[in-house]
Amino acid sequence: MQPLQRPTKVSQTIDRVGLRVLILVLCFIWFYMLWGKPIQAAAAGVALGLLWNQVIVYGEKRTLSTREQSLRRKIGGQLAVDSLSFQSAVSAASNAATWISHAVPLNDFEQTKDGVLADSEGKRVYIECLRKHPSSKASRDDVLSAVRNGKAHAADVVVLCSTCSFAPDAIAYSDELTPRTHLLGRNGLIRLAGVSAPATNEQLHELGARTRVKRFDVAAWKSRILQPGKAKRYCAYGLGMLLLLIITRQWVFLIPSIACIALFIFSRRHKTGPLVL
């Protein structure tokens, strides 16, 4: 089975043109079956076909806009959540509280030593944010520590956010704690952050520049191949090939032997600067 390939621009154009021609033909057939007059049916079919064409164009624009906005929210959310790892505990909790406030009414923010206090419909909410690597898991001890901090500030609700996901036992343990504890993992935090801070054009351009494939660098490859530390290895390979040539009398070993000895000589004479990866 061949892997799924992206359609080319030519095939996409043919599909769009074919769809519109099919719509015109169907509209003509419809009116011809109603009236039985080809000229009037053709005129009405063209008019109805153009109307359907506008509907299709509008739907394509809406779909493209929705996909773009979804992608911007996803990328922007990931960038925003990843930036929390480089912030202090209070700064990370403040940003998380701002993102949560777009989904839940929060006001009267007050910073504490490790988090943020806020008021939500008369209830005191304590928000804390764990800053861990995305591959790690938040444990029960992390949840218990946040709950203790919330109790110290007389919170009615504790919201623990994390830049990683929570372990299953931590999720089950949070249901048994008092005050009521809500866990907001990485995926949920990304969704909230994406709504508040979707990716800008500058961020998308910078991200594309990072992932762009680097050009083949001749100088870098030359520095790698002719490193002075590889000279002894080249010499050993060259002498080994030469020894095989003498023993087996097979001239096929001559070219590798000459190549290795040449690399040995050039690597001894080559002056390398700092190696850039």
Protein backbone atom coordinates (compact mmCIF):
# COMPACT_ATOMS: atom_id res chain seq x y z
CA MET A 1 0.00 0.00 0.00
CA GLN A 2 1.39 3.38 -0.95
CA PRO A 3 1.52 6.07 1.75
CA LEU A 4 -0.97 8.92 1.54
CA GLN A 5 0.49 11.79 -0.46
CA ARG A 6 -0.46 15.44 -0.38
CA PRO A 7 -2.43 16.51 -3.46
CA THR A 8 -0.59 18.75 -5.89
CA LYS A 9 -1.80 22.19 -6.92
CA VAL A 10 -2.75 20.84 -10.36
CA SER A 11 -4.91 18.08 -8.88
CA GLN A 12 -6.55 20.52 -6.47
CA THR A 13 -7.36 22.88 -9.36
CA ILE A 14 -8.81 20.02 -11.41
CA ASP A 15 -10.96 18.95 -8.44
CA ARG A 16 -12.31 22.47 -7.93
CA VAL A 17 -13.08 22.97 -11.64
CA GLY A 18 -14.63 19.50 -11.92
CA LEU A 19 -16.88 20.14 -8.92
CA ARG A 20 -18.17 23.39 -10.38
CA VAL A 21 -18.79 21.83 -13.82
CA LEU A 22 -20.68 18.99 -12.15
CA ILE A 23 -22.83 21.49 -10.24
CA LEU A 24 -23.64 23.39 -13.46
CA VAL A 25 -24.59 20.17 -15.23
CA LEU A 26 -26.83 19.05 -12.35
CA CYS A 27 -28.50 22.46 -12.19
CA PHE A 28 -29.16 22.37 -15.94
CA ILE A 29 -30.60 18.84 -15.70
CA TRP A 30 -32.82 19.89 -12.82
CA PHE A 31 -34.37 22.84 -14.61
CA TYR A 32 -34.63 20.93 -17.90
CA MET A 33 -36.60 18.20 -16.15
CA LEU A 34 -38.89 20.85 -14.69
CA TRP A 35 -39.48 22.96 -17.79
CA GLY A 36 -38.36 20.88 -20.77
CA LYS A 37 -36.87 23.99 -22.43
CA PRO A 38 -33.08 23.84 -22.95
CA ILE A 39 -32.42 27.58 -23.34
CA GLN A 40 -34.33 28.64 -20.23
CA ALA A 41 -32.91 25.65 -18.32
CA ALA A 42 -29.34 26.60 -19.30
CA ALA A 43 -29.80 30.21 -18.14
CA ALA A 44 -31.39 29.20 -14.85
CA GLY A 45 -28.81 26.44 -14.36
CA VAL A 46 -25.93 28.89 -14.81
CA ALA A 47 -27.48 31.32 -12.34
CA LEU A 48 -28.06 28.62 -9.73
CA GLY A 49 -24.58 27.20 -10.38
CA LEU A 50 -22.97 30.61 -9.78
CA LEU A 51 -24.93 30.90 -6.55
CA TRP A 52 -23.66 27.51 -5.41
CA ASN A 53 -20.15 28.57 -6.41
CA GLN A 54 -20.34 31.57 -4.08
CA VAL A 55 -21.54 29.31 -1.30
CA ILE A 56 -18.57 26.97 -1.87
CA VAL A 57 -16.08 29.88 -1.93
CA TYR A 58 -17.52 31.28 1.28
CA GLY A 59 -17.36 27.85 2.93
CA GLU A 60 -13.72 27.39 1.87
CA LYS A 61 -12.80 30.78 3.32
CA ARG A 62 -14.56 29.96 6.59
CA THR A 63 -12.84 26.59 6.80
CA LEU A 64 -9.43 28.10 6.07
CA SER A 65 -9.97 30.83 8.63
CA THR A 66 -11.08 28.31 11.26
CA ARG A 67 -8.07 26.08 10.63
CA GLU A 68 -5.69 29.03 10.75
CA GLN A 69 -7.15 30.28 14.02
CA SER A 70 -7.00 26.78 15.52
CA LEU A 71 -3.38 26.40 14.46
CA ARG A 72 -2.47 29.82 15.83
CA ARG A 73 -4.08 28.98 19.16
CA LYS A 74 -2.30 25.63 19.37
CA ILE A 75 1.14 27.03 18.51
CA GLY A 76 0.66 30.15 20.62
CA GLY A 77 -0.50 28.06 23.55
CA GLN A 78 2.49 25.75 23.32
CA LEU A 79 4.91 28.68 23.15
CA ALA A 80 3.24 30.39 26.10
CA VAL A 81 3.19 27.25 28.26
CA ASP A 82 6.81 26.42 27.42
CA SER A 83 7.81 29.94 28.48
CA LEU A 84 6.48 29.26 32.00
CA SER A 85 9.46 27.00 32.68
CA PHE A 86 11.74 30.05 32.59
CA GLN A 87 9.59 32.15 34.92
CA SER A 88 9.36 32.35 38.67
CA ALA A 89 6.65 30.49 40.55
CA VAL A 90 4.62 33.66 41.14
CA SER A 91 4.96 34.86 37.53
CA ALA A 92 3.94 31.47 36.14
CA ALA A 93 0.93 31.30 38.48
CA SER A 94 -0.08 34.86 37.52
CA ASN A 95 -0.03 34.00 33.82
CA ALA A 96 -1.99 30.80 34.44
CA ALA A 97 -4.56 32.75 36.47
CA THR A 98 -4.94 35.24 33.62
CA TRP A 99 -5.59 32.42 31.15
CA ILE A 100 -8.09 30.75 33.49
CA SER A 101 -9.93 34.05 33.98
CA HIS A 102 -11.05 33.91 30.34
CA ALA A 103 -13.00 30.72 31.12
CA VAL A 104 -13.92 31.27 34.78
CA PRO A 105 -14.75 34.65 36.34
CA LEU A 106 -11.80 35.61 38.54
CA ASN A 107 -11.05 38.95 40.14
CA ASP A 108 -9.19 40.58 43.03
CA PHE A 109 -5.87 38.90 42.23
CA GLU A 110 -3.31 38.77 45.03
CA GLN A 111 0.17 37.33 44.70
CA THR A 112 1.56 35.02 47.38
CA LYS A 113 4.93 33.34 47.86
CA ASP A 114 4.20 30.39 45.53
CA GLY A 115 1.00 31.29 43.72
CA VAL A 116 -1.93 33.63 43.27
CA LEU A 117 -5.12 34.17 45.26
CA ALA A 118 -8.31 35.27 43.51
CA ASP A 119 -12.01 35.62 44.16
CA SER A 120 -14.57 33.69 42.11
CA GLU A 121 -18.26 34.21 42.91
CA GLY A 122 -17.54 34.71 46.60
CA LYS A 123 -15.11 31.78 46.86
CA ARG A 124 -11.42 32.16 47.61
CA VAL A 125 -9.36 30.43 44.90
CA TYR A 126 -5.68 29.57 45.21
CA ILE A 127 -3.81 29.01 41.92
CA GLU A 128 -0.36 27.47 41.68
CA CYS A 129 1.67 26.41 38.64
CA LEU A 130 4.18 23.57 38.46
CA ARG A 131 7.08 24.16 36.05
CA LYS A 132 8.33 20.79 34.88
CA HIS A 133 9.60 19.22 31.69
CA PRO A 134 6.76 18.10 29.38
CA SER A 135 8.01 14.49 29.49
CA SER A 136 7.75 14.26 33.29
CA LYS A 137 4.67 13.57 35.42
CA ALA A 138 3.31 15.59 38.32
CA SER A 139 3.06 13.36 41.40
CA ARG A 140 0.84 13.12 44.46
CA ASP A 141 3.43 15.02 46.49
CA ASP A 142 3.14 17.97 44.10
CA VAL A 143 -0.64 17.99 44.52
CA LEU A 144 -0.40 17.69 48.30
CA SER A 145 2.11 20.55 48.47
CA ALA A 146 -0.24 22.84 46.52
CA VAL A 147 -3.18 21.89 48.75
CA ARG A 148 -1.15 22.68 51.84
CA ASN A 149 -0.31 26.09 50.46
CA GLY A 150 -3.98 26.65 49.65
CA LYS A 151 -5.01 25.73 53.20
CA ALA A 152 -2.41 28.12 54.57
CA HIS A 153 -4.20 30.94 52.74
CA ALA A 154 -7.70 29.72 53.74
CA ALA A 155 -8.65 28.93 50.15
CA ASP A 156 -11.98 27.33 49.31
CA VAL A 157 -10.74 25.97 45.98
CA VAL A 158 -7.23 24.99 44.86
CA VAL A 159 -6.29 25.00 41.17
CA LEU A 160 -2.97 23.33 40.37
CA CYS A 161 -1.66 23.96 36.85
CA SER A 162 1.29 22.14 35.36
CA THR A 163 3.45 22.36 32.24
CA CYS A 164 3.40 18.54 32.18
CA SER A 165 0.66 15.97 32.62
CA PHE A 166 -0.42 14.48 35.95
CA ALA A 167 0.18 10.91 37.03
CA PRO A 168 -3.00 8.77 37.31
CA ASP A 169 -2.58 8.33 41.07
CA ALA A 170 -2.24 12.11 41.48
CA ILE A 171 -5.51 12.64 39.61
CA ALA A 172 -7.31 10.07 41.77
CA TYR A 173 -5.77 11.51 44.94
CA SER A 174 -6.97 15.03 44.13
CA ASP A 175 -10.63 13.92 44.33
CA GLU A 176 -10.18 13.01 48.00
CA LEU A 177 -8.59 16.26 49.14
CA THR A 178 -10.08 19.18 50.99
CA PRO A 179 -10.42 21.99 49.95
CA ARG A 180 -11.75 21.03 46.54
CA THR A 181 -8.83 20.61 44.16
CA HIS A 182 -8.80 20.99 40.37
CA LEU A 183 -5.88 19.82 38.24
CA LEU A 184 -5.07 21.54 34.95
CA GLY A 185 -2.49 19.60 32.94
CA ARG A 186 -0.40 20.64 29.99
CA ASN A 187 -3.05 20.11 27.30
CA GLY A 188 -5.69 22.06 29.15
CA LEU A 189 -3.24 24.83 29.91
CA ILE A 190 -2.27 25.02 26.22
CA ARG A 191 -5.92 25.39 25.20
CA LEU A 192 -6.51 28.22 27.66
CA ALA A 193 -3.25 29.95 26.77
CA GLY A 194 -4.00 29.65 23.05
CA VAL A 195 -7.29 31.49 23.49
CA SER A 196 -5.57 34.32 25.36
CA ALA A 197 -2.38 34.48 23.32
CA PRO A 198 -2.64 32.99 19.79
CA ALA A 199 0.56 32.91 17.78
CA THR A 200 1.40 36.14 15.94
CA ASN A 201 2.85 36.40 12.43
CA GLU A 202 6.27 37.17 13.91
CA GLN A 203 6.20 34.03 16.08
CA LEU A 204 5.17 31.86 13.14
CA HIS A 205 7.95 33.35 10.99
CA GLU A 206 10.53 32.76 13.74
CA LEU A 207 9.30 29.19 14.26
CA GLY A 208 9.55 28.52 10.52
CA ALA A 209 13.09 29.90 10.47
CA ARG A 210 14.09 27.50 13.26
CA THR A 211 12.72 24.42 11.53
CA ARG A 212 14.03 25.36 8.09
CA VAL A 213 16.43 22.77 6.72
CA LYS A 214 20.00 23.98 6.80
CA ARG A 215 22.00 24.08 3.62
CA PHE A 216 24.86 21.70 3.04
CA ASP A 217 27.92 23.29 4.67
CA VAL A 218 31.12 22.18 2.94
CA ALA A 219 33.39 23.77 5.55
CA ALA A 220 31.62 22.00 8.41
CA TRP A 221 31.86 18.59 6.74
CA LYS A 222 35.52 19.23 5.90
CA SER A 223 36.22 20.03 9.55
CA ARG A 224 34.47 16.85 10.67
CA ILE A 225 36.28 14.58 8.21
CA LEU A 226 39.74 16.08 8.68
CA GLN A 227 39.78 16.29 12.45
CA PRO A 228 43.34 15.72 13.75
CA GLY A 229 42.04 13.20 16.26
CA LYS A 230 41.01 10.90 13.39
CA ALA A 231 44.50 10.81 11.82
CA LYS A 232 45.62 7.67 13.69
CA ARG A 233 42.43 5.89 12.73
CA TYR A 234 42.90 6.75 9.04
CA CYS A 235 46.50 5.55 9.24
CA ALA A 236 45.45 2.25 10.79
CA TYR A 237 42.75 1.71 8.15
CA GLY A 238 45.16 2.56 5.32
CA LEU A 239 47.88 0.21 6.56
CA GLY A 240 45.30 -2.50 7.14
CA MET A 241 44.02 -2.22 3.57
CA LEU A 242 47.59 -2.23 2.28
CA LEU A 243 48.34 -5.37 4.28
CA LEU A 244 45.24 -7.06 2.84
CA LEU A 245 46.43 -6.08 -0.64
CA ILE A 246 49.80 -7.73 -0.03
CA ILE A 247 48.31 -10.87 1.49
CA THR A 248 45.40 -11.46 -0.88
CA ARG A 249 46.89 -9.77 -3.97
CA GLN A 250 43.45 -8.32 -4.62
CA TRP A 251 43.82 -4.89 -6.21
CA VAL A 252 40.37 -3.91 -4.95
CA PHE A 253 42.04 -2.90 -1.65
CA LEU A 254 44.35 -0.42 -3.37
CA ILE A 255 41.91 2.48 -3.73
CA PRO A 256 40.61 2.37 -0.08
CA SER A 257 44.21 2.15 1.10
CA ILE A 258 45.27 5.21 -0.88
CA ALA A 259 42.16 7.13 0.25
CA CYS A 260 42.76 6.39 3.94
CA ILE A 261 46.45 7.31 3.72
CA ALA A 262 45.51 10.56 1.94
CA LEU A 263 42.99 11.36 4.67
CA PHE A 264 45.68 10.62 7.25
CA ILE A 265 48.06 13.12 5.62
CA PHE A 266 45.42 15.85 5.16
CA SER A 267 44.03 15.47 8.66
CA ARG A 268 47.54 15.87 10.11
CA ARG A 269 47.99 19.13 8.21
CA HIS A 270 44.44 20.47 8.58
CA LYS A 271 43.93 23.23 11.11
CA THR A 272 40.45 23.14 12.59
CA GLY A 273 38.64 25.90 14.38
CA PRO A 274 35.68 25.42 16.69
CA LEU A 275 33.29 22.83 15.28
CA VAL A 276 29.85 24.29 14.55
CA LEU A 277 26.95 21.83 14.59
